[in-house]
């Protein structure tokens, strides 16, 4: 079986983790700041804060911006539920725009119409690794005095207008995920990057129960003294995870380069086929290809389930990204309707993600491509 995505663990990764297992700190040790410093330097930002998941990173990012009851956060319906769930955790209201049918990214043409006096944050999602037009997002945010959180959980290694995603040139905060199917992994894990020191300090506080041992409201009793200054969470990453992350980060450029080579080969092999389109690639956005989505055309889309199952039978792993968040039962109970986002629902009905990870061989890419095209031809007769 060729999976749609998977982690790559090398002997260097194993040695990096082993070295931590034999030292004094398994958690709350020096590898955390080493990983954070490496991330910030790599992406060109001032600060990075690592967490035990991308979800925790999103939660902390919203917290640092002061999101609370009555606030609205505008985001995309084509994303993993954590993007909007993290706003709900703080009592805020997610507001979903529709998507561009060619990219799966937030439709910026209608974005301003969603802004109300309660809107506080814009959270664009870089779907499949393709950055949203961040110059336009930045301009809109500046016009309405809003904050910007880039959900780049798919998009480490990507860039917009030659600015690395994570440099925060157009945003206040950028979120990465280190789940095993992502470009680099820490098992589970995430990070927030920022150039704002106040936001950085708020996230450091939040990830460790709201407790500080450095900046006190009261005079400390002694060297043991600490204060809880906010209602935080235990969202800490371990040194074991950080050690793996440091090793994996050293291969990021090579991994992204290989993903782009695979994407170019897929795109060439699928040229002018009558069954589906591939994700459009706007000029200023350079994708890091977390996913390679196929967008089935109108005649093929009703046969998506059949194609999905037959690909599995042929030993080709595939996945669907995503059922729009407003269509989830929990969100419908909150009053959201999938019918309010017709492009997102159409995107969901047409999308299938085929294998994309750096270890795919050229032979496997050809096998996947030929199999997909042959099955489409057979299904349509």
Foldseek 3Di string as FASTA:
>chain_A
DFAQFFFDADPQLVVLLVVCVPDDFFFPDDLQVVLFVVLCVVQQADTKHKFQALLLQLLLLCVLLVQAAQAEEEEALQAPLSNQVSSVVRNYHYDHAAPDLQASWHDLVCVVVRDDPRYAEYETECPQQWDDQLVSVLVSCVVVVHFYEYACQQHQVKFFQPRGQQSQPRGAKYKHWADGRHLHHLPHMMMIGGRDVSSVVSSVCQQCQQKDQPDDPDDAPDNVDIDRDDRHYNGGDTSSSSSSSVSSVVCSNVFLVLLVVLLVLLCVLCPPAPFWDWRDHDDRIGGSRSWTKTFTDPVCLVCVVVLQVVCVVVVWHKDFRDQGPCPDPVNVVVVRDPVVHVSSNSRRSGIMTTHGTNPDDPVNSVVSSVSSSVVSVVVSD
